[in-house]
Amino acid sequence: MIRDMAARADRTELLLLRHADAGDPEAWTRPDAERPLSPKGHRQAARTAAWLKSIDHKPDAIISSPKVRAVETARAVSEAFKMPLIEEQRLAGALDVRTVGQILNDAGNPRRPMLVGHDPDFSELAADLSGVATLEMKKGALIRIDVSTPIEPGGGVLRWLVPPDALPGEETQERRRTS
């Protein structure tokens, strides 16, 4: 029992949220970092925030890539929980387990952090942490991986993989009506 309590004390419930739908990148003519969410993406982000709130799963830190589509996705959650949003440049580029550990350390080692970013980095990171060959995160998907500190490849346990179309909302109801 004491060992279980100690294991929980150093456990981090890492939430990875891939930015929601941002339309067709090929159709975007301005810098990629400025590409915003599409109307569908705004709905996906709102559904994710509402779902997290409905299950009372509040992150203790929300850390986002500074790219517009990631910030807009993260903002839906930060506004739902009335908490600040931290922009982190390292989430905008190549990402690995070591970098995530550094980001979390720099944020004060939160126990339930949410990182908001991009693919292929998030899918590769989730697979790396979970110790599997591949793990695909669709746009707007949310993953929870429980990790011990220090964070190491293969050291996490996948608890959730929630694609945006699994969450309740207008699009889910429409799909059910047409199925």
Protein backbone atom coordinates (compact mmCIF):
# COMPACT_ATOMS: atom_id res chain seq x y z
CA MET A 1 0.00 0.00 0.00
CA ILE A 2 2.78 2.46 0.86
CA ARG A 3 4.52 1.62 -2.43
CA ASP A 4 1.25 2.33 -4.32
CA MET A 5 0.96 5.72 -2.62
CA ALA A 6 4.56 6.55 -3.46
CA ALA A 7 4.01 5.50 -7.08
CA ARG A 8 1.00 7.82 -7.30
CA ALA A 9 2.96 10.70 -5.76
CA ASP A 10 5.44 10.78 -8.64
CA ARG A 11 2.89 10.03 -11.34
CA THR A 12 2.01 12.68 -13.89
CA GLU A 13 -1.27 12.49 -15.81
CA LEU A 14 0.04 13.88 -19.09
CA LEU A 15 -2.67 15.15 -21.44
CA LEU A 16 -1.72 15.60 -25.09
CA LEU A 17 -4.22 17.52 -27.20
CA ARG A 18 -3.53 17.74 -30.90
CA HIS A 19 -4.81 21.00 -32.34
CA ALA A 20 -8.29 20.76 -33.82
CA ASP A 21 -9.14 21.01 -37.52
CA ALA A 22 -7.49 23.95 -39.24
CA GLY A 23 -8.70 23.42 -42.78
CA ASP A 24 -6.54 22.65 -45.78
CA PRO A 25 -2.91 23.72 -45.27
CA GLU A 26 -2.38 23.74 -49.05
CA ALA A 27 -5.12 26.36 -49.44
CA TRP A 28 -3.54 28.63 -46.80
CA THR A 29 -1.38 31.32 -48.41
CA ARG A 30 0.05 33.04 -45.33
CA PRO A 31 2.71 31.71 -42.93
CA ASP A 32 1.77 28.30 -41.56
CA ALA A 33 2.13 29.48 -37.94
CA GLU A 34 -0.76 31.90 -38.55
CA ARG A 35 -3.22 29.25 -39.80
CA PRO A 36 -6.32 29.39 -37.56
CA LEU A 37 -8.87 26.76 -36.69
CA SER A 38 -11.69 26.17 -39.13
CA PRO A 39 -15.30 26.44 -37.91
CA LYS A 40 -15.19 22.63 -37.52
CA GLY A 41 -12.01 22.98 -35.45
CA HIS A 42 -13.63 25.54 -33.14
CA ARG A 43 -16.51 23.10 -32.56
CA GLN A 44 -14.07 20.24 -31.90
CA ALA A 45 -12.12 22.30 -29.36
CA ALA A 46 -15.30 23.42 -27.62
CA ARG A 47 -16.55 19.81 -27.38
CA THR A 48 -13.25 18.67 -25.89
CA ALA A 49 -13.31 21.47 -23.32
CA ALA A 50 -16.95 20.75 -22.43
CA TRP A 51 -16.23 17.03 -22.07
CA LEU A 52 -13.23 17.59 -19.78
CA LYS A 53 -15.34 19.95 -17.69
CA SER A 54 -18.23 17.44 -17.55
CA ILE A 55 -15.93 14.76 -16.11
CA ASP A 56 -14.21 17.32 -13.85
CA HIS A 57 -10.78 16.56 -15.28
CA LYS A 58 -9.12 19.95 -14.86
CA PRO A 59 -5.51 20.27 -15.98
CA ASP A 60 -3.24 22.11 -13.57
CA ALA A 61 -1.29 23.65 -16.46
CA ILE A 62 -2.18 24.26 -20.10
CA ILE A 63 0.90 24.65 -22.27
CA SER A 64 0.51 25.28 -25.98
CA SER A 65 2.52 25.66 -29.12
CA PRO A 66 2.41 29.34 -30.12
CA LYS A 67 1.00 28.49 -33.55
CA VAL A 68 -2.46 30.06 -33.89
CA ARG A 69 -4.37 26.80 -34.41
CA ALA A 70 -2.85 25.27 -31.26
CA VAL A 71 -3.44 28.40 -29.17
CA GLU A 72 -7.09 28.54 -30.31
CA THR A 73 -7.52 24.86 -29.38
CA ALA A 74 -5.88 25.38 -25.98
CA ARG A 75 -7.88 28.55 -25.35
CA ALA A 76 -11.14 26.59 -25.43
CA VAL A 77 -9.93 24.49 -22.49
CA SER A 78 -8.31 27.38 -20.60
CA GLU A 79 -11.50 29.44 -20.87
CA ALA A 80 -13.70 26.51 -19.80
CA PHE A 81 -11.64 26.09 -16.63
CA LYS A 82 -10.85 29.82 -16.23
CA MET A 83 -7.13 29.22 -16.12
CA PRO A 84 -4.11 30.74 -17.82
CA LEU A 85 -2.59 29.48 -21.03
CA ILE A 86 1.18 29.24 -21.39
CA GLU A 87 2.70 29.45 -24.88
CA GLU A 88 5.79 27.31 -25.30
CA GLN A 89 7.94 27.64 -28.43
CA ARG A 90 9.38 24.13 -28.03
CA LEU A 91 5.94 22.66 -28.77
CA ALA A 92 6.01 24.23 -32.25
CA GLY A 93 8.87 22.13 -33.55
CA ALA A 94 10.42 18.69 -33.28
CA LEU A 95 9.45 17.12 -29.98
CA ASP A 96 10.81 14.19 -28.02
CA VAL A 97 10.48 12.70 -24.54
CA ARG A 98 13.50 14.62 -23.21
CA THR A 99 12.11 17.95 -24.42
CA VAL A 100 8.72 17.22 -22.84
CA GLY A 101 10.48 16.51 -19.54
CA GLN A 102 12.27 19.86 -19.80
CA ILE A 103 9.03 21.70 -20.63
CA LEU A 104 7.28 20.17 -17.63
CA ASN A 105 10.24 20.91 -15.36
CA ASP A 106 10.28 24.53 -16.52
CA ALA A 107 6.52 24.72 -15.76
CA GLY A 108 7.09 23.57 -12.17
CA ASN A 109 6.36 19.86 -12.71
CA PRO A 110 2.57 19.99 -12.80
CA ARG A 111 0.81 16.69 -11.97
CA ARG A 112 -1.90 17.05 -14.63
CA PRO A 113 -0.43 19.12 -17.47
CA MET A 114 -2.04 19.52 -20.86
CA LEU A 115 0.27 20.05 -23.81
CA VAL A 116 -1.31 21.30 -27.03
CA GLY A 117 0.56 20.84 -30.28
CA HIS A 118 1.00 19.19 -33.62
CA ASP A 119 1.59 16.03 -35.58
CA PRO A 120 3.58 14.04 -36.43
CA ASP A 121 5.30 14.98 -33.16
CA PHE A 122 2.37 14.21 -30.84
CA SER A 123 1.61 10.81 -32.40
CA GLU A 124 5.29 9.87 -32.23
CA LEU A 125 5.58 11.16 -28.66
CA ALA A 126 2.48 9.23 -27.54
CA ALA A 127 3.82 6.04 -29.11
CA ASP A 128 7.25 6.60 -27.58
CA LEU A 129 5.86 7.18 -24.10
CA SER A 130 3.49 4.22 -24.35
CA GLY A 131 6.12 1.86 -25.71
CA VAL A 132 4.27 1.01 -28.91
CA ALA A 133 5.40 1.23 -32.53
CA THR A 134 2.70 3.66 -33.69
CA LEU A 135 -0.19 5.58 -32.18
CA GLU A 136 -2.15 7.92 -34.43
CA MET A 137 -3.66 11.12 -33.10
CA LYS A 138 -6.24 12.65 -35.40
CA LYS A 139 -6.76 16.42 -35.40
CA GLY A 140 -8.47 17.37 -32.15
CA ALA A 141 -7.67 14.04 -30.43
CA LEU A 142 -6.94 13.94 -26.72
CA ILE A 143 -4.65 11.39 -25.08
CA ARG A 144 -3.92 10.79 -21.42
CA ILE A 145 -0.72 8.94 -20.63
CA ASP A 146 0.29 8.39 -17.02
CA VAL A 147 4.04 8.74 -16.65
CA SER A 148 6.45 8.56 -13.76
CA THR A 149 9.18 11.09 -13.32
CA PRO A 150 11.68 11.31 -14.75
CA ILE A 151 9.79 10.75 -17.99
CA GLU A 152 11.33 7.99 -20.10
CA PRO A 153 10.49 6.27 -23.40
CA GLY A 154 8.19 3.32 -22.77
CA GLY A 155 7.58 4.48 -19.20
CA GLY A 156 3.99 5.60 -19.68
CA VAL A 157 0.63 3.90 -19.47
CA LEU A 158 -1.98 4.90 -22.04
CA ARG A 159 -5.22 5.66 -20.20
CA TRP A 160 -7.28 7.47 -22.86
CA LEU A 161 -7.30 8.04 -26.57
CA VAL A 162 -10.33 10.18 -27.35
CA PRO A 163 -10.89 11.19 -30.97
CA PRO A 164 -12.95 14.37 -31.38
CA ASP A 165 -15.79 12.60 -33.16
CA ALA A 166 -16.35 10.38 -30.09
CA LEU A 167 -17.36 13.37 -27.98
CA PRO A 168 -20.98 14.51 -27.73
CA GLY A 169 -21.94 17.48 -29.87
CA GLU A 170 -23.67 18.60 -33.05
CA GLU A 171 -21.50 16.62 -35.47
CA THR A 172 -21.78 13.43 -33.40
CA GLN A 173 -25.58 13.74 -33.28
CA GLU A 174 -25.72 14.40 -37.04
CA ARG A 175 -23.61 11.31 -37.77
CA ARG A 176 -25.91 9.18 -35.60
CA ARG A 177 -29.00 10.46 -37.43
CA THR A 178 -27.52 9.61 -40.85
CA SER A 179 -26.15 6.19 -39.85
